[in-house]
Amino acid sequence: MLTGLSHALDITEGQPRGHTARACLIGMRLAGLIGLPELDQRDLFYALLIKDAGGSSNAAHLNHLFDSGGGTTPELGLRDWRSLVRESGYAREYAGLGGSIWDRLAQMRQLSRAGREERRTLFRVRAARGARMALGLGLPDASAQAIRSMDEHWDGGGDPQGLAGDAIPLLARIIGLAQVAEVFAHARSATAALEVVERRGGRWFDPALVVAFRALAHDREFWLSLKQHPVEDLVKAVEPAGVRIVADDARLDQIADAFAVLIDAKSPYTSDHSRRVAHLAVAIGERLGFRPIEITRIRRAALLHDIGKLGVPSRVLEKPGPLTADEWTIVREHPAHTLQILQAVPGFRDFAFDAACHHEKLDGSGYHMGYTAAQLTPTARALTVADMADALLTDRPYRPALDPVEALRILHTDCLGGRLCPDSVEAFTDYVAEQVEGADPVAATPPPARSARL
């Protein structure tokens, strides 16, 4: 399951698909070469698969610093941020990318003021949230600690605490080397990865791990396998068999809840959005007489419906004005990413379609596929209403939240226009009436003007 969901972390970090899985394979090979005990290998294995779980928490801040429209993270992996020359070169190349010369100069000034302390804060937030994610999934504390310290450097020059040497947990040292080696090996070659690892040995990396990686770098079969075989299958093969963690029904809920937090951390405007949609979807489903198994299904679908939005740049999600045609294309693709990610996850495949249909409309005017009523399940229809309702009831960068009565007027207008499921809208209306005592939720007055962005 975590291998499938790791693809969501790849798009969050702007990394090519399979980065996390390949880093996991490199890290597990290093663990074998140094003789890491099986129980420690288990803790390392799961930590490697969710190592970037805290990345979405910094998306908005990085967008503010760089104003580059996203896509900077892969290049960050290729840069030595401990080198002032390389750091300033990166800033010159990416700050304000796409803007005027004056915009770019303003961003350069902002980056120069940010300094090391602000970067350390970014790492601290990322590390803390990644560790909380691990614990939220029910993983061992050793996995959480490894994620918390994976950006520390052997000589104490890393983040977020400036730990040095053996004070850095061994599992964290392995992750730190594995993730850098993967970026260089995938973008260039295993030889290039070895050159970087050796150059940073004793500074970034534990010298003993550098020796182990030297042996791995010369294993041609290993590097060929990363190109010739599906990485998901390779990851399954290296999972420590004797100490596997089984995803039972309770853990499925843990995983859905934990990833909902990760999704909503992408932007301050979506804080807790997925959980609220899940609450509304369940309320609608219960009033429509959904069976308990269907209630569980719609709750998980609602928690993960926006997982594809992790790949949408923050500058687009938080744009206060109208979107350009290109920006709309990016936004309209996020349900397709949701479908692709969830279909790759055992246990979530059965609701992947419904989760990905949360912007579809009964008359075919929605996206990303333009499905019509006959193609949409009751779960998908209810989820669409829940998602749209929460969007109307909360602040967005392009408009303030509407009150419940105004939101209901809009939903009923779309319902009468043949776009939304009448039963689901009526169920939501009943829910609002219960919450807002004495309200007249469908008063016959014209709905307020609204943006197409919900």
Protein backbone atom coordinates (compact mmCIF):
# COMPACT_ATOMS: atom_id res chain seq x y z
CA MET A 1 0.00 0.00 0.00
CA LEU A 2 2.71 2.47 0.94
CA THR A 3 4.56 1.79 -2.32
CA GLY A 4 1.46 2.83 -4.25
CA LEU A 5 0.90 5.91 -2.11
CA SER A 6 4.58 6.85 -2.38
CA HIS A 7 3.80 8.05 -5.91
CA ALA A 8 1.69 10.79 -4.33
CA LEU A 9 4.74 11.84 -2.32
CA ASP A 10 6.82 11.93 -5.52
CA ILE A 11 4.48 14.43 -7.18
CA THR A 12 4.33 16.46 -3.96
CA GLU A 13 8.10 16.84 -4.08
CA GLY A 14 8.12 17.40 -7.85
CA GLN A 15 10.15 14.23 -8.27
CA PRO A 16 9.81 11.81 -11.20
CA ARG A 17 7.48 8.89 -10.56
CA GLY A 18 9.23 6.11 -8.68
CA HIS A 19 11.77 8.31 -6.84
CA THR A 20 10.64 7.13 -3.41
CA ALA A 21 10.52 3.47 -4.44
CA ARG A 22 13.99 3.63 -5.99
CA ALA A 23 15.40 5.38 -2.91
CA CYS A 24 13.84 2.60 -0.84
CA LEU A 25 15.61 -0.04 -2.93
CA ILE A 26 18.94 1.76 -2.58
CA GLY A 27 18.50 2.18 1.16
CA MET A 28 17.55 -1.46 1.68
CA ARG A 29 20.58 -2.64 -0.28
CA LEU A 30 22.81 -0.46 1.90
CA ALA A 31 21.12 -1.96 4.97
CA GLY A 32 21.96 -5.43 3.74
CA LEU A 33 25.56 -4.52 2.97
CA ILE A 34 26.18 -3.24 6.49
CA GLY A 35 24.36 -6.16 8.11
CA LEU A 36 21.44 -4.23 9.63
CA PRO A 37 19.24 -6.56 11.77
CA GLU A 38 15.88 -7.60 10.28
CA LEU A 39 13.75 -5.63 12.76
CA ASP A 40 15.75 -2.47 12.03
CA GLN A 41 15.39 -3.19 8.31
CA ARG A 42 11.61 -3.24 8.76
CA ASP A 43 11.65 0.16 10.45
CA LEU A 44 13.93 1.50 7.71
CA PHE A 45 11.79 0.01 4.93
CA TYR A 46 8.62 1.82 5.98
CA ALA A 47 10.48 5.05 6.76
CA LEU A 48 11.99 5.06 3.27
CA LEU A 49 8.55 4.68 1.67
CA ILE A 50 7.08 7.72 3.43
CA LYS A 51 10.24 9.78 3.90
CA ASP A 52 8.74 12.77 2.05
CA ALA A 53 5.41 12.78 3.89
CA GLY A 54 6.16 16.17 5.44
CA GLY A 55 6.92 17.83 2.10
CA SER A 56 3.45 19.21 1.40
CA SER A 57 3.59 21.27 4.60
CA ASN A 58 6.24 23.54 3.01
CA ALA A 59 4.68 23.85 -0.44
CA ALA A 60 3.01 27.21 0.15
CA HIS A 61 6.10 28.69 1.85
CA LEU A 62 8.45 27.50 -0.91
CA ASN A 63 6.10 28.98 -3.49
CA HIS A 64 6.22 32.28 -1.58
CA LEU A 65 10.02 32.22 -1.48
CA PHE A 66 10.64 31.22 -5.09
CA ASP A 67 7.44 32.35 -6.82
CA SER A 68 8.53 29.96 -9.56
CA GLY A 69 5.35 28.02 -10.20
CA GLY A 70 6.64 24.79 -8.71
CA GLY A 71 8.99 22.25 -10.16
CA THR A 72 12.04 23.38 -8.18
CA THR A 73 12.39 20.34 -5.96
CA PRO A 74 14.15 17.96 -8.38
CA GLU A 75 16.82 20.60 -8.97
CA LEU A 76 17.12 21.12 -5.22
CA GLY A 77 18.16 17.48 -4.97
CA LEU A 78 21.00 18.09 -7.39
CA ARG A 79 22.34 21.11 -5.53
CA ASP A 80 24.76 21.26 -2.62
CA TRP A 81 22.96 23.71 -0.37
CA ARG A 82 25.99 23.82 1.91
CA SER A 83 27.91 25.60 -0.88
CA LEU A 84 27.26 29.36 -1.02
CA VAL A 85 28.26 29.54 -4.69
CA ARG A 86 25.90 26.73 -5.71
CA GLU A 87 23.11 28.10 -3.54
CA SER A 88 23.30 31.58 -5.02
CA GLY A 89 23.47 30.08 -8.51
CA TYR A 90 20.27 28.14 -7.87
CA ALA A 91 18.56 31.24 -6.54
CA ARG A 92 19.58 33.25 -9.62
CA GLU A 93 18.31 30.48 -11.88
CA TYR A 94 14.94 29.79 -10.25
CA ALA A 95 13.79 32.80 -8.20
CA GLY A 96 10.72 34.36 -9.80
CA LEU A 97 10.98 32.06 -12.80
CA GLY A 98 8.56 33.21 -15.49
CA GLY A 99 8.22 36.75 -14.11
CA SER A 100 9.69 40.06 -15.21
CA ILE A 101 13.27 41.04 -14.38
CA TRP A 102 11.92 43.26 -11.60
CA ASP A 103 9.86 40.39 -10.14
CA ARG A 104 12.91 38.16 -10.20
CA LEU A 105 15.09 40.78 -8.50
CA ALA A 106 12.45 41.15 -5.78
CA GLN A 107 12.44 37.39 -5.23
CA MET A 108 16.26 37.35 -5.08
CA ARG A 109 16.15 39.98 -2.32
CA GLN A 110 13.57 37.94 -0.44
CA LEU A 111 15.68 34.79 -0.70
CA SER A 112 18.78 36.59 0.52
CA ARG A 113 16.87 37.86 3.56
CA ALA A 114 15.45 34.41 4.30
CA GLY A 115 18.84 33.04 5.29
CA ARG A 116 19.73 29.81 7.01
CA GLU A 117 17.37 30.19 9.96
CA GLU A 118 14.30 30.31 7.75
CA ARG A 119 15.49 27.26 5.82
CA ARG A 120 16.09 25.46 9.10
CA THR A 121 12.51 26.27 10.11
CA LEU A 122 11.27 24.79 6.83
CA PHE A 123 13.23 21.60 7.49
CA ARG A 124 11.99 21.50 11.08
CA VAL A 125 8.33 21.69 10.03
CA ARG A 126 8.87 19.13 7.27
CA ALA A 127 10.67 16.74 9.61
CA ALA A 128 8.14 17.06 12.41
CA ARG A 129 5.15 16.52 10.14
CA GLY A 130 6.80 13.60 8.41
CA ALA A 131 7.47 11.97 11.77
CA ARG A 132 3.88 12.58 12.88
CA MET A 133 2.68 10.99 9.66
CA ALA A 134 4.70 7.85 10.43
CA LEU A 135 3.23 7.63 13.92
CA GLY A 136 -0.25 8.33 12.52
CA LEU A 137 0.17 5.29 10.28
CA GLY A 138 0.97 3.21 13.34
CA LEU A 139 4.62 2.73 12.36
CA PRO A 140 7.34 2.17 14.99
CA ASP A 141 8.95 5.14 16.71
CA ALA A 142 12.28 4.24 15.07
CA SER A 143 10.70 4.91 11.64
CA ALA A 144 9.43 8.30 12.82
CA GLN A 145 12.83 9.25 14.27
CA ALA A 146 14.55 8.27 11.03
CA ILE A 147 12.30 10.60 9.05
CA ARG A 148 12.75 13.38 11.60
CA SER A 149 16.55 13.26 11.20
CA MET A 150 17.04 12.27 7.55
CA ASP A 151 18.34 15.72 6.53
CA GLU A 152 21.00 15.87 9.24
CA HIS A 153 24.62 15.74 8.05
CA TRP A 154 27.53 13.75 9.46
CA ASP A 155 29.54 16.91 10.28
CA GLY A 156 26.63 18.68 12.00
CA GLY A 157 25.89 21.05 9.13
CA GLY A 158 22.46 19.61 8.31
CA ASP A 159 18.92 20.28 9.47
CA PRO A 160 16.75 20.61 11.46
CA GLN A 161 18.80 20.22 14.66
CA GLY A 162 22.39 20.20 13.46
CA LEU A 163 23.05 16.71 14.84
CA ALA A 164 26.45 15.18 14.04
CA GLY A 165 28.03 11.73 13.75
CA ASP A 166 26.53 8.91 15.76
CA ALA A 167 23.98 11.30 17.31
CA ILE A 168 22.12 10.94 14.01
CA PRO A 169 20.07 7.71 14.04
CA LEU A 170 21.62 5.13 11.71
CA LEU A 171 18.36 4.68 9.81
CA ALA A 172 18.27 8.43 9.15
CA ARG A 173 21.85 8.35 7.84
CA ILE A 174 20.90 5.61 5.40
CA ILE A 175 17.85 7.53 4.16
CA GLY A 176 19.87 10.72 3.74
CA LEU A 177 22.41 9.00 1.51
CA ALA A 178 19.86 6.89 -0.39
CA GLN A 179 17.67 9.81 -1.41
CA VAL A 180 20.58 11.89 -2.73
CA ALA A 181 22.10 8.90 -4.54
CA GLU A 182 18.76 8.14 -6.22
CA VAL A 183 18.37 11.67 -7.56
CA PHE A 184 21.81 11.62 -9.20
CA ALA A 185 21.61 8.00 -10.38
CA HIS A 186 18.20 8.54 -12.00
CA ALA A 187 18.99 11.94 -13.53
CA ARG A 188 22.52 11.00 -14.61
CA SER A 189 24.14 7.66 -13.73
CA ALA A 190 25.29 5.43 -10.89
CA THR A 191 28.82 6.72 -11.53
CA ALA A 192 27.63 10.31 -11.07
CA ALA A 193 25.87 9.28 -7.86
CA LEU A 194 29.06 7.69 -6.54
CA GLU A 195 31.10 10.80 -7.33
CA VAL A 196 28.68 12.98 -5.36
CA VAL A 197 28.43 10.56 -2.43
CA GLU A 198 32.21 10.34 -2.18
CA ARG A 199 32.62 14.10 -2.49
CA ARG A 200 30.14 14.64 0.35
CA GLY A 201 31.45 11.73 2.43
CA GLY A 202 32.50 12.80 5.93
CA ARG A 203 30.60 16.04 5.44
CA TRP A 204 27.04 15.03 4.55
CA PHE A 205 27.36 11.27 4.84
CA ASP A 206 28.62 8.67 7.30
CA PRO A 207 32.00 7.46 5.90
CA ALA A 208 31.07 3.82 6.62
CA LEU A 209 27.94 4.18 4.48
CA VAL A 210 30.01 5.76 1.71
CA VAL A 211 32.16 2.61 1.65
CA ALA A 212 29.02 0.46 1.41
CA PHE A 213 27.62 2.60 -1.38
CA ARG A 214 30.88 2.29 -3.28
CA ALA A 215 30.28 -1.46 -3.51
CA LEU A 216 26.64 -0.92 -4.53
CA ALA A 217 27.55 1.64 -7.19
CA HIS A 218 29.55 -1.04 -9.05
CA ASP A 219 26.68 -3.55 -9.04
CA ARG A 220 25.56 -3.24 -12.68
CA GLU A 221 22.71 -5.71 -12.25
CA PHE A 222 21.15 -3.68 -9.49
CA TRP A 223 21.09 -0.44 -11.49
CA LEU A 224 19.84 -2.20 -14.61
CA SER A 225 17.00 -3.72 -12.61
CA LEU A 226 15.79 -0.24 -11.66
CA LYS A 227 15.34 0.53 -15.35
CA GLN A 228 14.11 -2.83 -16.61
CA HIS A 229 11.56 -3.89 -13.97
CA PRO A 230 8.55 -2.19 -12.34
CA VAL A 231 9.90 -0.69 -9.13
CA GLU A 232 6.72 -1.68 -7.26
CA ASP A 233 7.57 -5.35 -7.78
CA LEU A 234 11.18 -4.80 -6.72
CA VAL A 235 10.05 -3.07 -3.52
CA LYS A 236 7.71 -5.92 -2.64
CA ALA A 237 10.64 -8.32 -2.97
CA VAL A 238 12.79 -6.46 -0.42
CA GLU A 239 10.13 -6.02 2.28
CA PRO A 240 11.43 -7.84 5.39
CA ALA A 241 9.14 -10.87 5.30
CA GLY A 242 9.39 -11.96 8.91
CA VAL A 243 8.28 -8.66 10.42
CA ARG A 244 5.76 -7.27 7.93
CA ILE A 245 3.05 -4.89 9.11
CA VAL A 246 -0.33 -6.04 7.78
CA ALA A 247 -2.86 -3.46 6.61
CA ASP A 248 -6.05 -4.64 8.30
CA ASP A 249 -9.30 -2.66 8.25
CA ALA A 250 -8.31 -0.42 11.15
CA ARG A 251 -4.97 0.39 9.52
CA LEU A 252 -6.71 1.25 6.25
CA ASP A 253 -8.56 3.95 8.16
CA GLN A 254 -5.29 5.12 9.74
CA ILE A 255 -3.69 5.39 6.32
CA ALA A 256 -6.63 7.30 4.82
CA ASP A 257 -6.72 9.70 7.79
CA ALA A 258 -2.96 10.28 7.75
CA PHE A 259 -2.83 10.97 4.01
CA ALA A 260 -5.81 13.33 4.30
CA VAL A 261 -3.73 15.47 6.67
CA LEU A 262 -0.83 15.39 4.20
CA ILE A 263 -3.12 16.43 1.32
CA ASP A 264 -4.68 19.32 3.20
CA ALA A 265 -1.30 20.63 4.37
CA LYS A 266 -0.58 21.60 0.76
CA SER A 267 -2.33 24.96 1.20
CA PRO A 268 -3.67 26.99 4.15
CA TYR A 269 -6.91 27.32 2.18
CA THR A 270 -7.47 23.56 2.20
CA SER A 271 -6.67 23.00 5.88
CA ASP A 272 -8.86 20.10 7.08
CA HIS A 273 -10.84 20.16 3.81
CA SER A 274 -10.66 16.39 3.24
CA ARG A 275 -11.87 15.55 6.73
CA ARG A 276 -14.76 18.00 6.44
CA VAL A 277 -15.74 16.52 3.08
CA ALA A 278 -15.58 13.06 4.65
CA HIS A 279 -17.87 14.21 7.47
CA LEU A 280 -20.37 15.71 5.00
CA ALA A 281 -20.20 12.70 2.68
CA VAL A 282 -20.95 10.35 5.57
CA ALA A 283 -23.83 12.60 6.69
CA ILE A 284 -25.29 12.52 3.17
CA GLY A 285 -24.74 8.76 2.83
CA GLU A 286 -26.46 8.03 6.14
CA ARG A 287 -29.49 10.08 5.14
CA LEU A 288 -29.62 8.22 1.83
CA GLY A 289 -29.63 4.88 3.60
CA PHE A 290 -26.14 3.72 2.61
CA ARG A 291 -25.13 0.42 4.21
CA PRO A 292 -22.28 0.45 6.78
CA ILE A 293 -19.81 -0.93 4.23
CA GLU A 294 -20.80 1.87 1.83
CA ILE A 295 -20.38 4.48 4.57
CA THR A 296 -16.84 3.23 5.19
CA ARG A 297 -16.18 3.31 1.46
CA ILE A 298 -17.42 6.88 0.94
CA ARG A 299 -15.52 8.11 3.99
CA ARG A 300 -12.21 6.76 2.67
CA ALA A 301 -12.95 8.05 -0.84
CA ALA A 302 -13.67 11.51 0.59
CA LEU A 303 -10.50 11.55 2.68
CA LEU A 304 -8.38 10.77 -0.40
CA HIS A 305 -10.35 12.45 -3.20
CA ASP A 306 -7.85 15.31 -3.55
CA ILE A 307 -4.67 13.24 -3.37
CA GLY A 308 -4.03 14.15 -7.03
CA LYS A 309 -3.98 17.83 -6.04
CA LEU A 310 -0.57 17.26 -4.44
CA GLY A 311 0.83 17.67 -7.95
CA VAL A 312 -0.80 21.08 -8.53
CA PRO A 313 1.64 23.97 -7.94
CA SER A 314 0.85 26.14 -4.91
CA ARG A 315 0.91 29.27 -7.05
CA VAL A 316 -2.11 27.86 -8.92
CA LEU A 317 -3.97 26.61 -5.84
CA GLU A 318 -3.58 29.93 -4.07
CA LYS A 319 -3.99 32.31 -6.99
CA PRO A 320 -6.39 35.09 -5.92
CA GLY A 321 -7.47 35.99 -9.45
CA PRO A 322 -8.81 34.13 -12.50
CA LEU A 323 -6.80 31.17 -13.77
CA THR A 324 -5.22 31.15 -17.21
CA ALA A 325 -6.12 28.45 -19.71
CA ASP A 326 -2.89 26.59 -18.91
CA GLU A 327 -3.56 26.82 -15.17
CA TRP A 328 -7.07 25.47 -15.67
CA THR A 329 -5.62 22.53 -17.58
CA ILE A 330 -3.37 21.74 -14.61
CA VAL A 331 -6.26 21.96 -12.13
CA ARG A 332 -8.57 19.82 -14.26
CA GLU A 333 -5.98 17.04 -14.36
CA HIS A 334 -5.86 16.47 -10.59
CA PRO A 335 -8.76 13.95 -10.52
CA ALA A 336 -6.88 11.89 -13.12
CA HIS A 337 -3.88 11.81 -10.79
CA THR A 338 -6.18 10.77 -7.93
CA LEU A 339 -7.44 7.85 -10.03
CA GLN A 340 -3.93 6.78 -11.06
CA ILE A 341 -2.58 6.89 -7.50
CA LEU A 342 -5.48 5.11 -5.80
CA GLN A 343 -5.74 2.41 -8.47
CA ALA A 344 -2.14 1.46 -7.61
CA VAL A 345 -3.01 0.91 -3.94
CA PRO A 346 -4.46 -2.44 -2.81
CA GLY A 347 -7.44 -1.82 -0.55
CA PHE A 348 -8.21 1.56 -2.16
CA ARG A 349 -8.82 0.39 -5.73
CA ASP A 350 -12.51 -0.27 -5.13
CA PHE A 351 -13.26 3.41 -4.47
CA ALA A 352 -10.62 4.98 -6.74
CA PHE A 353 -13.18 5.70 -9.47
CA ASP A 354 -15.63 7.38 -7.09
CA ALA A 355 -12.89 9.48 -5.50
CA ALA A 356 -11.71 10.64 -8.93
CA CYS A 357 -15.25 11.67 -9.98
CA HIS A 358 -15.68 14.42 -7.39
CA HIS A 359 -15.82 17.13 -10.08
CA GLU A 360 -18.07 15.23 -12.50
CA LYS A 361 -21.64 16.48 -13.05
CA LEU A 362 -24.77 14.55 -14.04
CA ASP A 363 -25.13 16.53 -17.30
CA GLY A 364 -21.54 15.81 -18.41
CA SER A 365 -20.30 19.35 -17.75
CA GLY A 366 -17.78 18.32 -15.09
CA TYR A 367 -14.20 17.11 -15.30
CA HIS A 368 -11.85 15.31 -15.86
CA MET A 369 -13.77 12.79 -18.01
CA GLY A 370 -17.09 14.56 -18.59
CA TYR A 371 -19.10 11.57 -17.33
CA THR A 372 -22.91 11.75 -17.23
CA ALA A 373 -25.48 10.46 -14.73
CA ALA A 374 -25.55 6.91 -16.09
CA GLN A 375 -21.79 6.55 -15.46
CA LEU A 376 -21.72 7.92 -11.91
CA THR A 377 -22.37 5.77 -8.83
CA PRO A 378 -24.46 6.97 -5.85
CA THR A 379 -21.18 7.27 -3.90
CA ALA A 380 -19.63 9.50 -6.56
CA ARG A 381 -22.74 11.69 -6.72
CA ALA A 382 -22.86 12.14 -2.95
CA LEU A 383 -19.13 12.89 -2.81
CA THR A 384 -19.48 15.61 -5.47
CA VAL A 385 -22.14 17.38 -3.40
CA ALA A 386 -20.08 17.07 -0.20
CA ASP A 387 -16.95 18.45 -1.91
CA MET A 388 -18.83 21.32 -3.54
CA ALA A 389 -20.63 22.16 -0.29
CA ASP A 390 -17.42 22.39 1.72
CA ALA A 391 -15.80 24.53 -0.98
CA LEU A 392 -18.71 26.97 -0.83
CA LEU A 393 -18.72 27.08 2.98
CA THR A 394 -14.99 27.86 3.39
CA ASP A 395 -12.64 30.66 2.40
CA ARG A 396 -10.87 30.41 -0.91
CA PRO A 397 -8.06 32.67 -2.18
CA TYR A 398 -10.46 34.13 -4.77
CA ARG A 399 -13.53 34.63 -2.48
CA PRO A 400 -14.66 34.48 1.17
CA ALA A 401 -16.77 31.66 2.59
CA LEU A 402 -20.52 31.75 1.96
CA ASP A 403 -23.06 31.26 4.72
CA PRO A 404 -25.02 27.97 4.70
CA VAL A 405 -28.19 29.50 3.21
CA GLU A 406 -26.31 31.01 0.25
CA ALA A 407 -24.39 27.76 -0.29
CA LEU A 408 -27.64 25.80 -0.37
CA ARG A 409 -29.17 28.18 -2.91
CA ILE A 410 -26.24 27.51 -5.22
CA LEU A 411 -26.45 23.74 -4.74
CA HIS A 412 -30.21 23.74 -5.44
CA THR A 413 -29.70 25.88 -8.56
CA ASP A 414 -27.16 23.36 -9.87
CA CYS A 415 -29.54 20.57 -8.92
CA LEU A 416 -32.44 22.11 -10.86
CA GLY A 417 -30.06 22.64 -13.76
CA GLY A 418 -29.42 18.90 -13.93
CA ARG A 419 -25.82 19.06 -12.71
CA LEU A 420 -26.09 17.65 -9.17
CA CYS A 421 -27.84 14.61 -7.71
CA PRO A 422 -31.23 15.74 -6.28
CA ASP A 423 -31.24 13.08 -3.56
CA SER A 424 -27.75 14.04 -2.37
CA VAL A 425 -28.57 17.75 -2.36
CA GLU A 426 -31.78 17.06 -0.42
CA ALA A 427 -29.85 14.95 2.10
CA PHE A 428 -27.34 17.76 2.57
CA THR A 429 -30.21 20.25 2.95
CA ASP A 430 -31.64 18.10 5.75
CA TYR A 431 -28.23 18.00 7.41
CA VAL A 432 -27.90 21.81 7.28
CA ALA A 433 -31.42 22.25 8.65
CA GLU A 434 -30.45 20.10 11.62
CA GLN A 435 -27.31 22.19 12.20
CA VAL A 436 -28.89 25.62 11.65
CA GLU A 437 -32.13 25.52 13.61
CA GLY A 438 -34.92 27.59 12.10
CA ALA A 439 -33.07 28.28 8.83
CA ASP A 440 -34.99 28.45 5.55
CA PRO A 441 -32.25 26.86 3.43
CA VAL A 442 -34.03 27.02 0.07
CA ALA A 443 -35.63 30.43 0.19
CA ALA A 444 -36.74 31.47 -3.29
CA THR A 445 -34.26 34.27 -3.90
CA PRO A 446 -31.63 34.40 -6.66
CA PRO A 447 -28.30 32.78 -5.79
CA PRO A 448 -25.24 35.05 -5.47
CA ALA A 449 -22.78 35.31 -8.30
CA ARG A 450 -19.99 32.76 -7.99
CA SER A 451 -16.72 31.75 -9.55
CA ALA A 452 -16.43 28.46 -11.45
CA ARG A 453 -13.57 27.65 -9.08
CA LEU A 454 -14.86 25.77 -6.07
